[in-house]
């Protein structure tokens, strides 16, 4: 499910222009929140376990995350519909962060994950305190698409061993493709029973999703598929423990029927270098994921969001979760969309989700020993496929080579370098590709026709004989300095060669000047003065005027030759051309009142 698949309107009884939140909270609103919360809780159970296995940890930590992180974020957050907890993207990042630890040392790996969650929460809180959440908007949509595609591929690859009943081989320092090869070639024979359960779970999940959509049922398709395959495996005797202490197919394991308890994670200095970079990547990815989902739903409900508050809620949830044995989490697109579609009105629905998962954990935990890993792997295959938004990917590839390149580079870096660094690679590449494009400064020549029209010169127009008017457009930062120097240099060279004594430089469409470009302009003005060429700067914007004032241009350049852009009948360009003709006393017969421009 993508953000674009959210319904265009809220629940049916909500007026078309009325926001989906109410000052008064009564029984009707509470009933909707409870129904929505119970619906979301049904999908949170299998997702919590599956995402924990995806991260390579005990399934109970995923369920703990669906309780604690969901509860804290729902209480403190800004969005009325966002549901937090374990997500596939964050679980992949956690898996990558913990891949350096010995998979057999489960206690040590768990302690590292608790510390990682606390670090993620602390970073997100600092981002909120310093109001840096807006920095997330500088991460390109193409980078996010590439990350999701790479994450989906990793998600599928990581579950092949469970789907085939193979024993995982390799170690965390090896690339995921290398580990997959070692697992396939050295992990033992393929289990037909595991493959049957995996394919059955995929088929049932797809079938149940169609039934749910057709009959508008609560979205419990994944839970139903998991229960059905687990029941089949139990009746077939595949999950029964044999004399050797093993079952025919691997199972998720027993989840203790207990709630998460307060626990202070071990802190080892040797862990921090490996965990710090991953914590930073998870913190930013978590905020990106949560804010994007909250924005997409708020666009439909017209609920005003406090993004800084939401960042703070994300950080507080992960920080508290780190002290309650939780898998780090973020906003879930699937659970948030279900929450909205099920009619939730307020954040209380998230509280209901947390309480319902806690109740299910206390009453149904012993049954988890019958959940086959192969069935969970099949559900994760379905999740991976749904992570890839083919429509948006096709749109990005059609848009430009720039966007297509960002998607491919980010996705490939997730597979070859690491999912936690793929966003950083994508952001760095987008900056490297964007700066040359932003540095392109466009310059064009304007002419004054015999009818008094100032417009861009086109093919067939004779060149101006008594003045040169050049129009600049773009960013006036250091990257554009070479183009600016060339444009001004060509104008001055032509003036010298053709004995033209007047130049007008139109600055209306240039932005954000810096000291490097001002140095180029200053040198151009001084060179023009030495060549007895009068230059007027037309359409100067406030930021340009402020910089010129600080650099004290008025001490050597006539102030009347800098014409600011003002809102009146005559533009600064027309004023500059009038001044030029008055100085030349050209007497072209156009008359001041007949001058106008078409740019």
Protein backbone atom coordinates (compact mmCIF):
# COMPACT_ATOMS: atom_id res chain seq x y z
CA UNK A 1 0.00 0.00 0.00
CA UNK A 2 1.34 3.42 -0.91
CA UNK A 3 0.48 6.84 0.38
CA UNK A 4 -1.32 7.51 -2.86
CA UNK A 5 -3.67 4.60 -2.18
CA UNK A 6 -5.26 6.27 0.82
CA UNK A 7 -8.93 7.05 0.33
CA UNK A 8 -9.76 10.47 -1.02
CA UNK A 9 -12.17 11.23 1.80
CA UNK A 10 -12.65 10.33 5.43
CA UNK A 11 -15.44 8.23 6.93
CA UNK A 12 -18.78 8.53 5.20
CA UNK A 13 -20.51 10.58 7.89
CA UNK A 14 -17.85 13.29 7.92
CA UNK A 15 -18.92 16.49 6.13
CA UNK A 16 -16.92 17.24 3.01
CA UNK A 17 -15.13 20.26 4.42
CA UNK A 18 -15.06 19.35 8.07
CA UNK A 19 -11.73 18.28 9.62
CA UNK A 20 -11.60 14.77 11.01
CA UNK A 21 -11.14 15.75 14.65
CA UNK A 22 -13.68 17.02 17.16
CA UNK A 23 -13.36 19.33 20.19
CA UNK A 24 -15.88 17.12 22.04
CA UNK A 25 -15.13 13.43 22.55
CA UNK A 26 -18.15 11.23 23.16
CA UNK A 27 -19.29 7.65 22.98
CA UNK A 28 -19.54 7.64 19.18
CA UNK A 29 -15.95 8.82 18.77
CA UNK A 30 -14.71 6.35 21.41
CA UNK A 31 -16.50 3.48 19.66
CA UNK A 32 -14.83 4.30 16.35
CA UNK A 33 -11.41 4.53 18.00
CA UNK A 34 -11.89 1.17 19.72
CA UNK A 35 -13.01 -0.58 16.53
CA UNK A 36 -10.12 0.91 14.57
CA UNK A 37 -7.64 0.05 17.32
CA UNK A 38 -8.75 -3.59 17.51
CA UNK A 39 -8.56 -3.87 13.71
CA UNK A 40 -5.00 -2.52 13.67
CA UNK A 41 -4.01 -4.77 16.60
CA UNK A 42 -4.99 -7.83 14.57
CA UNK A 43 -2.39 -6.99 11.92
CA UNK A 44 0.16 -5.78 14.49
CA UNK A 45 0.58 -9.27 15.94
CA UNK A 46 1.97 -11.07 12.87
CA UNK A 47 3.80 -7.96 11.68
CA UNK A 48 5.50 -7.48 15.03
CA UNK A 49 6.80 -11.05 15.04
CA UNK A 50 7.75 -11.01 11.37
CA UNK A 51 9.66 -7.74 11.62
CA UNK A 52 11.52 -8.99 14.68
CA UNK A 53 12.63 -12.07 12.75
CA UNK A 54 13.60 -9.77 9.89
CA UNK A 55 15.85 -7.87 12.29
CA UNK A 56 17.35 -11.18 13.42
CA UNK A 57 16.06 -10.99 16.99
CA UNK A 58 13.58 -12.76 19.26
CA UNK A 59 9.95 -12.28 18.06
CA UNK A 60 8.84 -11.02 21.48
CA UNK A 61 10.86 -7.82 21.05
CA UNK A 62 8.77 -6.97 18.01
CA UNK A 63 5.60 -7.46 20.03
CA UNK A 64 7.04 -5.35 22.85
CA UNK A 65 7.65 -2.60 20.28
CA UNK A 66 4.02 -2.85 19.15
CA UNK A 67 3.01 -2.21 22.77
CA UNK A 68 5.44 0.38 24.19
CA UNK A 69 6.45 2.42 21.14
CA UNK A 70 2.89 2.48 19.84
CA UNK A 71 1.59 3.67 23.22
CA UNK A 72 4.17 6.43 23.82
CA UNK A 73 4.02 7.82 20.27
CA UNK A 74 0.20 7.83 20.31
CA UNK A 75 0.09 9.78 23.56
CA UNK A 76 2.73 12.36 22.61
CA UNK A 77 2.30 12.61 18.83
CA UNK A 78 0.57 15.19 16.68
CA UNK A 79 -1.16 13.04 14.05
CA UNK A 80 -4.58 11.61 14.92
CA UNK A 81 -4.05 8.53 12.75
CA UNK A 82 -0.33 7.67 12.71
CA UNK A 83 0.41 4.27 14.26
CA UNK A 84 4.00 3.68 15.36
CA UNK A 85 5.80 0.44 16.08
CA UNK A 86 8.01 -2.05 14.22
CA UNK A 87 8.35 -1.48 10.48
CA UNK A 88 10.09 -3.41 7.72
CA UNK A 89 12.43 -0.58 6.73
CA UNK A 90 13.61 0.06 10.29
CA UNK A 91 13.95 -3.68 10.93
CA UNK A 92 16.23 -3.98 7.92
CA UNK A 93 18.38 -1.17 9.26
CA UNK A 94 18.49 -2.88 12.67
CA UNK A 95 19.44 -6.17 11.02
CA UNK A 96 22.30 -4.44 9.24
CA UNK A 97 23.41 -2.70 12.44
CA UNK A 98 23.45 -5.99 14.37
CA UNK A 99 25.04 -8.05 11.61
CA UNK A 100 28.47 -7.57 13.17
CA UNK A 101 27.43 -9.53 16.26
CA UNK A 102 27.60 -13.31 16.56
CA UNK A 103 24.10 -14.62 15.71
CA UNK A 104 24.51 -17.37 18.31
CA UNK A 105 25.17 -14.81 21.07
CA UNK A 106 21.52 -13.82 21.32
CA UNK A 107 21.86 -12.15 24.71
CA UNK A 108 24.62 -9.86 23.51
CA UNK A 109 22.74 -9.04 20.31
CA UNK A 110 19.62 -8.14 22.29
CA UNK A 111 21.57 -5.85 24.61
CA UNK A 112 23.11 -4.10 21.59
CA UNK A 113 19.64 -3.61 20.11
CA UNK A 114 18.31 -2.06 23.33
CA UNK A 115 21.26 0.35 23.33
CA UNK A 116 20.66 1.09 19.65
CA UNK A 117 17.02 1.96 20.34
CA UNK A 118 18.00 4.37 23.12
CA UNK A 119 20.58 6.02 20.84
CA UNK A 120 18.01 6.40 18.07
CA UNK A 121 15.54 7.99 20.47
CA UNK A 122 18.14 10.39 21.86
CA UNK A 123 19.16 11.51 18.36
CA UNK A 124 15.54 12.07 17.33
CA UNK A 125 14.88 14.10 20.48
CA UNK A 126 17.92 16.27 19.73
CA UNK A 127 16.64 16.77 16.18
CA UNK A 128 13.32 17.96 17.62
CA UNK A 129 14.95 20.18 20.27
CA UNK A 130 17.10 21.93 17.69
CA UNK A 131 14.18 21.99 15.24
CA UNK A 132 16.12 20.16 12.54
CA UNK A 133 13.18 18.07 11.35
CA UNK A 134 12.81 20.27 8.27
CA UNK A 135 16.15 18.93 7.02
CA UNK A 136 14.36 15.73 6.06
CA UNK A 137 12.68 17.55 3.18
CA UNK A 138 16.05 17.84 1.43
CA UNK A 139 16.11 14.10 0.88
CA UNK A 140 14.83 13.54 -2.62
CA UNK A 141 11.72 11.47 -3.31
CA UNK A 142 13.85 9.48 -5.76
CA UNK A 143 16.25 8.59 -2.94
CA UNK A 144 13.35 7.32 -0.82
CA UNK A 145 12.01 5.27 -3.74
CA UNK A 146 15.46 3.76 -4.29
CA UNK A 147 15.83 3.01 -0.60
CA UNK A 148 12.46 1.27 -0.44
CA UNK A 149 13.28 -0.79 -3.53
CA UNK A 150 16.65 -1.81 -2.09
CA UNK A 151 15.10 -2.50 1.31
CA UNK A 152 12.42 -4.67 -0.31
CA UNK A 153 15.07 -6.67 -2.15
CA UNK A 154 17.03 -7.18 1.08
CA UNK A 155 13.85 -8.14 2.90
CA UNK A 156 13.13 -10.87 0.34
CA UNK A 157 16.75 -12.08 0.21
CA UNK A 158 17.00 -12.30 4.00
CA UNK A 159 14.02 -14.69 4.16
CA UNK A 160 15.09 -17.17 1.49
CA UNK A 161 16.79 -19.39 4.06
CA UNK A 162 13.62 -19.60 6.18
CA UNK A 163 11.43 -20.13 3.13
CA UNK A 164 13.58 -23.03 1.93
CA UNK A 165 14.29 -24.48 5.37
CA UNK A 166 18.04 -23.87 5.07
CA UNK A 167 20.48 -23.05 7.84
CA UNK A 168 21.91 -19.54 7.47
CA UNK A 169 25.60 -19.40 6.64
CA UNK A 170 28.17 -16.62 6.58
CA UNK A 171 28.78 -13.85 9.06
CA UNK A 172 27.71 -10.24 9.46
CA UNK A 173 30.82 -8.71 7.91
CA UNK A 174 30.01 -10.35 4.58
CA UNK A 175 27.76 -8.84 1.96
CA UNK A 176 24.17 -10.08 1.99
CA UNK A 177 24.60 -11.57 -1.50
CA UNK A 178 27.66 -13.49 -0.34
CA UNK A 179 25.80 -14.80 2.70
CA UNK A 180 22.89 -15.82 0.49
CA UNK A 181 25.23 -17.77 -1.80
CA UNK A 182 26.83 -19.54 1.16
CA UNK A 183 23.41 -20.36 2.59
CA UNK A 184 22.10 -21.79 -0.67
CA UNK A 185 25.25 -23.85 -1.37
CA UNK A 186 26.17 -24.92 2.19
CA UNK A 187 22.94 -24.58 4.18
CA UNK A 188 21.75 -28.13 3.62
CA UNK A 189 18.98 -29.59 1.45
CA UNK A 190 15.83 -27.66 0.63
CA UNK A 191 12.88 -28.60 2.84
CA UNK A 192 9.79 -29.35 0.79
CA UNK A 193 7.63 -28.82 3.87
CA UNK A 194 9.08 -25.35 4.53
CA UNK A 195 8.68 -24.40 0.87
CA UNK A 196 5.06 -25.59 0.94
CA UNK A 197 4.28 -23.46 3.97
CA UNK A 198 6.02 -20.42 2.50
CA UNK A 199 4.22 -20.61 -0.84
CA UNK A 200 0.96 -21.37 0.93
CA UNK A 201 1.30 -18.30 3.11
CA UNK A 202 1.93 -16.13 0.04
CA UNK A 203 -1.07 -17.57 -1.80
CA UNK A 204 -3.36 -17.22 1.22
CA UNK A 205 -2.23 -13.65 1.94
CA UNK A 206 -2.95 -12.61 -1.65
CA UNK A 207 -6.29 -14.41 -1.69
CA UNK A 208 -7.38 -13.01 1.67
CA UNK A 209 -6.41 -9.48 0.60
CA UNK A 210 -8.78 -9.78 -2.36
CA UNK A 211 -11.56 -11.10 -0.10
CA UNK A 212 -11.00 -8.29 2.39
CA UNK A 213 -11.18 -5.63 -0.31
CA UNK A 214 -14.17 -7.18 -2.08
CA UNK A 215 -16.32 -7.56 1.02
CA UNK A 216 -14.93 -4.54 2.92
CA UNK A 217 -13.80 -6.68 5.84
CA UNK A 218 -11.29 -5.65 8.54
CA UNK A 219 -7.79 -6.01 7.12
CA UNK A 220 -6.72 -9.15 8.91
CA UNK A 221 -5.50 -10.93 5.77
CA UNK A 222 -1.94 -11.48 7.03
CA UNK A 223 -3.12 -12.72 10.41
CA UNK A 224 -5.61 -15.07 8.78
CA UNK A 225 -2.93 -16.44 6.43
CA UNK A 226 -0.54 -17.00 9.35
CA UNK A 227 -3.18 -18.76 11.48
CA UNK A 228 -4.25 -20.96 8.56
CA UNK A 229 -0.71 -22.09 7.68
CA UNK A 230 0.18 -22.61 11.35
CA UNK A 231 -2.95 -24.73 11.83
CA UNK A 232 -2.11 -26.80 8.75
CA UNK A 233 1.47 -27.35 9.95
CA UNK A 234 0.22 -28.36 13.41
CA UNK A 235 -2.34 -30.83 12.05
CA UNK A 236 0.27 -32.30 9.73
CA UNK A 237 2.62 -32.76 12.68
CA UNK A 238 5.32 -30.58 11.15
CA UNK A 239 5.71 -28.37 14.23
CA UNK A 240 5.80 -31.24 16.73
CA UNK A 241 9.13 -31.74 18.46
CA UNK A 242 10.69 -35.10 17.61
CA UNK A 243 12.99 -37.33 19.65
CA UNK A 244 15.98 -35.27 18.52
CA UNK A 245 14.43 -32.14 20.05
CA UNK A 246 13.72 -30.58 16.64
CA UNK A 247 10.59 -30.10 14.56
CA UNK A 248 10.18 -30.86 10.87
CA UNK A 249 10.04 -27.13 10.12
CA UNK A 250 11.52 -24.27 12.09
CA UNK A 251 9.15 -22.36 14.35
CA UNK A 252 9.23 -18.82 15.65
CA UNK A 253 9.77 -20.02 19.21
CA UNK A 254 7.95 -19.52 22.44
CA UNK A 255 7.12 -15.92 23.32
CA UNK A 256 6.80 -15.48 27.10
CA UNK A 257 3.31 -14.53 28.23
CA UNK A 258 4.56 -11.40 29.94
CA UNK A 259 4.64 -7.68 29.35
CA UNK A 260 7.87 -5.80 28.66
CA UNK A 261 9.73 -4.87 31.83
CA UNK A 262 12.12 -2.05 32.61
CA UNK A 263 15.67 -2.97 31.67
CA UNK A 264 18.86 -0.90 31.43
CA UNK A 265 20.90 -2.07 28.46
CA UNK A 266 24.56 -2.92 28.77
CA UNK A 267 26.87 -0.24 27.41
CA UNK A 268 30.15 -1.40 25.95
CA UNK A 269 32.52 1.12 24.44
CA UNK A 270 33.47 -1.32 21.69
CA UNK A 271 29.87 -1.33 20.43
CA UNK A 272 29.47 2.42 20.07
CA UNK A 273 31.50 2.98 16.84
CA UNK A 274 29.46 0.34 15.00
CA UNK A 275 26.11 1.42 16.45
CA UNK A 276 26.50 5.21 16.22
CA UNK A 277 26.37 5.43 12.41
CA UNK A 278 23.46 3.01 12.23
CA UNK A 279 21.61 4.92 14.96
CA UNK A 280 21.92 8.14 12.96
CA UNK A 281 20.63 6.47 9.78
CA UNK A 282 17.73 4.83 11.66
CA UNK A 283 16.84 8.12 13.38
CA UNK A 284 16.57 10.05 10.13
CA UNK A 285 14.88 7.20 8.24
CA UNK A 286 12.39 6.79 11.08
CA UNK A 287 11.49 10.48 11.01
CA UNK A 288 11.21 10.44 7.22
CA UNK A 289 8.92 7.43 7.33
CA UNK A 290 6.70 8.81 10.11
CA UNK A 291 6.42 12.38 8.78
CA UNK A 292 5.70 11.21 5.22
CA UNK A 293 2.84 8.98 6.41
CA UNK A 294 1.44 11.65 8.74
CA UNK A 295 1.55 14.23 5.94
CA UNK A 296 -0.20 11.94 3.44
CA UNK A 297 -3.10 11.24 5.81
CA UNK A 298 -3.32 14.85 7.02
CA UNK A 299 -3.61 15.92 3.37
CA UNK A 300 -6.90 14.01 3.24
CA UNK A 301 -8.22 14.97 6.70
CA UNK A 302 -6.91 18.57 6.65
CA UNK A 303 -5.60 18.10 10.18
CA UNK A 304 -2.89 20.65 11.07
CA UNK A 305 0.30 18.87 12.13
CA UNK A 306 3.06 19.97 14.47
CA UNK A 307 6.07 18.33 12.83
CA UNK A 308 8.47 19.23 15.61
CA UNK A 309 6.13 17.66 18.16
CA UNK A 310 5.88 14.53 16.03
CA UNK A 311 9.69 14.31 15.87
CA UNK A 312 9.79 14.61 19.65
CA UNK A 313 7.16 11.86 19.99
CA UNK A 314 9.17 9.55 17.71
CA UNK A 315 12.29 10.13 19.77
CA UNK A 316 10.57 9.70 23.12
CA UNK A 317 8.94 6.45 21.94
CA UNK A 318 12.25 4.93 20.83
CA UNK A 319 14.09 6.17 23.91
CA UNK A 320 11.49 4.65 26.25
CA UNK A 321 11.44 1.52 24.10
CA UNK A 322 15.18 1.14 24.58
CA UNK A 323 14.55 0.75 28.30
CA UNK A 324 11.68 -1.72 27.79
CA UNK A 325 13.36 -4.27 25.49
CA UNK A 326 11.80 -2.97 22.26
CA UNK A 327 12.80 -3.21 18.65
CA UNK A 328 13.26 0.39 17.37
CA UNK A 329 10.26 1.58 15.39
CA UNK A 330 8.67 4.31 13.38
CA UNK A 331 5.38 5.15 11.69
CA UNK A 332 3.81 2.22 9.85
CA UNK A 333 2.20 2.97 6.50
CA UNK A 334 0.01 -0.16 6.44
CA UNK A 335 -1.20 0.09 10.05
CA UNK A 336 -1.73 3.87 9.84
CA UNK A 337 -3.75 3.52 6.63
CA UNK A 338 -5.85 0.75 8.21
CA UNK A 339 -6.38 2.91 11.29
CA UNK A 340 -7.64 5.78 9.11
CA UNK A 341 -9.80 3.59 6.89
CA UNK A 342 -11.33 1.85 9.91
CA UNK A 343 -12.71 5.20 11.10
CA UNK A 344 -10.31 6.26 13.87
CA UNK A 345 -10.96 9.78 15.13
CA UNK A 346 -8.16 10.52 17.60
CA UNK A 347 -4.84 9.27 18.92
CA UNK A 348 -6.78 7.13 21.41
CA UNK A 349 -7.02 4.47 18.70
CA UNK A 350 -3.25 3.99 19.04
CA UNK A 351 -3.67 3.48 22.78
CA UNK A 352 -6.27 0.80 22.02
CA UNK A 353 -3.82 -0.91 19.64
CA UNK A 354 -1.19 -1.04 22.38
CA UNK A 355 -3.57 -2.40 25.00
CA UNK A 356 -5.03 -5.00 22.61
CA UNK A 357 -1.58 -6.31 21.62
CA UNK A 358 -0.64 -6.49 25.32
CA UNK A 359 -3.80 -8.48 26.10
CA UNK A 360 -3.16 -10.83 23.19
CA UNK A 361 0.43 -11.34 24.32
CA UNK A 362 -0.72 -12.35 27.81
CA UNK A 363 -3.39 -14.75 26.58
CA UNK A 364 -2.14 -16.13 23.25
CA UNK A 365 1.66 -16.11 23.67
CA UNK A 366 1.99 -19.92 24.08
CA UNK A 367 0.48 -20.38 20.61
CA UNK A 368 3.42 -18.63 18.93
CA UNK A 369 5.48 -21.82 19.25
CA UNK A 370 3.33 -23.21 16.44
CA UNK A 371 4.04 -20.35 13.99
CA UNK A 372 6.41 -21.74 11.32
CA UNK A 373 9.28 -19.49 10.26
CA UNK A 374 8.59 -20.48 6.66
CA UNK A 375 5.05 -19.08 6.89
CA UNK A 376 6.35 -15.83 8.36
CA UNK A 377 8.91 -15.71 5.54
CA UNK A 378 6.11 -16.00 3.00
CA UNK A 379 4.29 -13.08 4.62
CA UNK A 380 7.50 -11.05 4.49
CA UNK A 381 7.80 -11.83 0.78
CA UNK A 382 4.35 -10.29 0.35
CA UNK A 383 5.41 -7.31 2.46
CA UNK A 384 8.53 -6.85 0.32
CA UNK A 385 6.48 -6.81 -2.86
CA UNK A 386 4.13 -4.21 -1.40
CA UNK A 387 7.07 -2.01 -0.39
CA UNK A 388 7.88 -1.45 -4.06
CA UNK A 389 5.54 1.13 -5.53
CA UNK A 390 5.80 0.28 -9.22
CA UNK A 391 3.62 3.20 -10.27
CA UNK A 392 5.82 5.78 -8.56
CA UNK A 393 8.99 4.04 -9.71
CA UNK A 394 7.80 4.12 -13.32
CA UNK A 395 6.90 7.79 -12.90
CA UNK A 396 10.40 8.58 -11.59
CA UNK A 397 12.10 6.67 -14.42
CA UNK A 398 10.01 8.48 -17.02
CA UNK A 399 10.61 11.86 -15.42
CA UNK A 400 14.36 12.21 -16.05
CA UNK A 401 17.68 10.40 -16.16
CA UNK A 402 18.57 12.33 -13.00
CA UNK A 403 15.74 10.73 -11.01
CA UNK A 404 16.26 7.31 -12.55
CA UNK A 405 19.95 7.45 -11.65
CA UNK A 406 19.20 8.36 -8.04
CA UNK A 407 16.75 5.47 -7.69
CA UNK A 408 19.18 2.96 -9.15
CA UNK A 409 22.21 4.22 -7.21
CA UNK A 410 20.36 4.19 -3.89
CA UNK A 411 18.87 0.74 -4.46
CA UNK A 412 22.18 -0.79 -5.58
CA UNK A 413 24.06 0.77 -2.67
CA UNK A 414 21.56 -0.84 -0.28
CA UNK A 415 22.48 -4.23 -1.74
CA UNK A 416 26.22 -3.73 -2.10
CA UNK A 417 27.25 -1.32 0.67
CA UNK A 418 24.55 -1.56 3.32
CA UNK A 419 20.99 -0.42 3.77
CA UNK A 420 21.93 1.96 6.59
CA UNK A 421 24.27 3.86 4.27
CA UNK A 422 22.14 3.78 1.12
CA UNK A 423 20.22 6.94 2.04
CA UNK A 424 23.48 8.76 2.77
CA UNK A 425 24.82 7.62 -0.61
CA UNK A 426 21.62 8.77 -2.32
CA UNK A 427 21.67 12.16 -0.60
CA UNK A 428 25.35 12.73 -1.41
CA UNK A 429 24.78 11.75 -5.03
CA UNK A 430 21.69 13.97 -5.34
CA UNK A 431 23.72 16.92 -4.05
CA UNK A 432 26.58 16.19 -6.44
CA UNK A 433 24.16 15.96 -9.36
CA UNK A 434 22.10 18.97 -8.31
CA UNK A 435 24.89 21.49 -7.72
CA UNK A 436 26.02 21.61 -11.39
CA UNK A 437 22.39 22.05 -12.46
CA UNK A 438 21.81 24.80 -9.92
CA UNK A 439 25.05 26.49 -10.98
CA UNK A 440 23.86 26.98 -14.55
CA UNK A 441 23.28 30.69 -15.01
CA UNK A 442 21.21 31.55 -18.06
CA UNK A 443 21.97 34.75 -19.93
CA UNK A 444 20.10 36.16 -22.91
CA UNK A 445 20.23 39.39 -24.89
CA UNK A 446 17.27 41.79 -24.94
CA UNK A 447 16.63 44.32 -27.67
CA UNK A 448 14.52 47.45 -28.00
CA UNK A 449 12.40 47.33 -31.15
CA UNK A 450 11.34 50.35 -33.19
CA UNK A 451 7.88 49.97 -31.65
CA UNK A 452 9.34 50.47 -28.17
CA UNK A 453 9.12 46.83 -27.09
CA UNK A 454 11.89 45.43 -24.92
CA UNK A 455 12.04 41.70 -25.54
CA UNK A 456 14.42 38.80 -25.98
CA UNK A 457 16.38 38.82 -29.20
CA UNK A 458 15.48 35.97 -31.53
CA UNK A 459 16.96 34.69 -34.77
CA UNK A 460 16.64 37.28 -37.51
CA UNK A 461 16.74 40.29 -35.18
CA UNK A 462 19.61 42.68 -35.93
CA UNK A 463 21.95 43.27 -33.00
CA UNK A 464 21.55 46.43 -30.94
CA UNK A 465 23.75 49.29 -32.10
CA UNK A 466 23.66 51.78 -29.25
CA UNK A 467 23.16 49.75 -26.07
CA UNK A 468 23.45 46.16 -24.84
CA UNK A 469 20.77 44.70 -22.57
CA UNK A 470 21.52 41.31 -21.04
CA UNK A 471 19.07 39.33 -18.89
CA UNK A 472 20.45 36.98 -16.22
CA UNK A 473 18.49 34.15 -14.58
CA UNK A 474 19.56 31.67 -11.92
CA UNK A 475 21.36 31.33 -8.60
CA UNK A 476 24.16 33.85 -8.00
CA UNK A 477 26.26 31.58 -5.79
CA UNK A 478 29.89 30.59 -6.17
CA UNK A 479 29.08 27.68 -8.47
CA UNK A 480 27.61 30.10 -11.04
CA UNK A 481 30.59 32.49 -10.92
CA UNK A 482 32.28 31.11 -14.11
CA UNK A 483 29.05 31.46 -16.14
CA UNK A 484 28.48 34.96 -14.75
CA UNK A 485 32.01 36.02 -15.58
CA UNK A 486 31.67 34.72 -19.14
CA UNK A 487 28.30 36.44 -19.71
CA UNK A 488 29.49 39.82 -18.44
CA UNK A 489 32.83 39.43 -20.20
CA UNK A 490 31.13 38.80 -23.57
CA UNK A 491 28.98 41.87 -23.15
CA UNK A 492 31.94 44.09 -22.31
CA UNK A 493 34.08 42.68 -25.14
CA UNK A 494 31.31 43.34 -27.61
CA UNK A 495 30.84 46.88 -26.30
CA UNK A 496 34.51 47.58 -26.81
CA UNK A 497 34.58 46.02 -30.26
CA UNK A 498 31.45 47.85 -31.51
CA UNK A 499 32.01 51.16 -29.68
CA UNK A 500 28.86 50.73 -27.58
CA UNK A 501 28.99 52.86 -24.45
CA UNK A 502 25.87 51.65 -22.60
CA UNK A 503 25.09 48.30 -20.98
CA UNK A 504 22.00 47.37 -18.98
CA UNK A 505 22.19 44.21 -16.84
CA UNK A 506 18.78 42.87 -15.79
CA UNK A 507 18.98 41.18 -12.36
CA UNK A 508 15.30 40.62 -11.66
CA UNK A 509 15.51 36.83 -12.02
CA UNK A 510 18.71 36.15 -10.12
CA UNK A 511 18.59 34.86 -6.56
CA UNK A 512 20.74 34.39 -3.48
CA UNK A 513 23.89 36.32 -4.44
CA UNK A 514 27.06 35.53 -2.55
CA UNK A 515 30.42 37.25 -2.20
CA UNK A 516 32.08 35.33 -5.06
CA UNK A 517 29.54 36.51 -7.63
CA UNK A 518 29.60 40.04 -6.20
CA UNK A 519 33.35 40.08 -6.74
CA UNK A 520 32.77 39.13 -10.39
CA UNK A 521 30.19 41.92 -10.76
CA UNK A 522 32.49 44.44 -9.06
CA UNK A 523 35.37 43.57 -11.37
CA UNK A 524 33.04 43.86 -14.38
CA UNK A 525 31.84 47.31 -13.26
CA UNK A 526 35.40 48.54 -12.69
CA UNK A 527 36.56 47.18 -16.06
CA UNK A 528 33.58 48.81 -17.76
CA UNK A 529 34.43 52.14 -16.09
CA UNK A 530 37.98 51.95 -17.38
CA UNK A 531 36.61 51.29 -20.89
CA UNK A 532 34.24 54.32 -20.60
CA UNK A 533 31.20 52.03 -20.73
CA UNK A 534 28.25 53.00 -18.52
CA UNK A 535 26.54 50.08 -16.81
CA UNK A 536 23.13 50.09 -15.15
CA UNK A 537 21.93 47.26 -12.93
CA UNK A 538 18.15 46.91 -13.31
CA UNK A 539 15.69 44.95 -11.20
CA UNK A 540 17.96 44.52 -8.18
CA UNK A 541 16.26 42.43 -5.47
CA UNK A 542 16.47 43.23 -1.73
CA UNK A 543 19.11 40.58 -0.98
CA UNK A 544 21.33 41.95 -3.77
CA UNK A 545 20.84 45.53 -2.54
CA UNK A 546 21.68 44.53 1.03
CA UNK A 547 24.89 42.80 -0.04
CA UNK A 548 25.92 45.74 -2.23
CA UNK A 549 25.36 48.07 0.71
CA UNK A 550 27.51 45.96 3.03
CA UNK A 551 30.28 45.86 0.45
CA UNK A 552 30.10 49.69 0.10
CA UNK A 553 29.60 49.86 -3.66
CA UNK A 554 28.25 53.39 -3.18
CA UNK A 555 31.77 54.62 -2.41
CA UNK A 556 32.86 54.14 -6.02
CA UNK A 557 29.75 53.25 -8.10
CA UNK A 558 26.91 55.78 -8.69
CA UNK A 559 23.88 54.72 -6.67
CA UNK A 560 21.45 55.96 -9.34
CA UNK A 561 22.72 53.27 -11.72
CA UNK A 562 21.36 50.51 -9.45
CA UNK A 563 17.61 50.38 -10.04
CA UNK A 564 15.65 48.24 -7.57
CA UNK A 565 12.60 46.31 -8.70
CA UNK A 566 9.47 48.03 -7.36
CA UNK A 567 5.76 47.44 -7.86
CA UNK A 568 4.68 50.32 -10.08
CA UNK A 569 3.64 50.93 -13.67
CA UNK A 570 7.17 51.05 -15.05
CA UNK A 571 9.62 48.25 -14.40
CA UNK A 572 13.24 48.82 -13.44
CA UNK A 573 14.29 47.55 -16.88
CA UNK A 574 12.22 50.22 -18.63
CA UNK A 575 13.60 52.89 -16.32
CA UNK A 576 17.16 51.77 -17.05
CA UNK A 577 16.55 51.87 -20.82
CA UNK A 578 14.97 55.34 -20.54
CA UNK A 579 17.92 56.62 -18.59
CA UNK A 580 20.24 55.15 -21.21
CA UNK A 581 18.42 56.86 -24.09
CA UNK A 582 18.28 60.11 -22.17
CA UNK A 583 22.03 59.90 -21.72
CA UNK A 584 22.56 59.08 -25.39
CA UNK A 585 19.99 61.62 -26.55
CA UNK A 586 19.25 59.13 -29.30
CA UNK A 587 15.96 60.71 -30.32
CA UNK A 588 14.56 57.52 -31.76
CA UNK A 589 11.02 58.93 -31.63
CA UNK A 590 9.70 56.15 -29.48
CA UNK A 591 8.80 58.41 -26.60
CA UNK A 592 9.10 57.39 -22.98
CA UNK A 593 5.43 56.57 -22.70
CA UNK A 594 5.65 54.03 -25.53
CA UNK A 595 8.34 51.90 -23.95
CA UNK A 596 7.23 48.59 -22.52
CA UNK A 597 8.84 45.20 -22.30
CA UNK A 598 7.90 41.67 -23.19
CA UNK A 599 10.24 39.26 -21.46
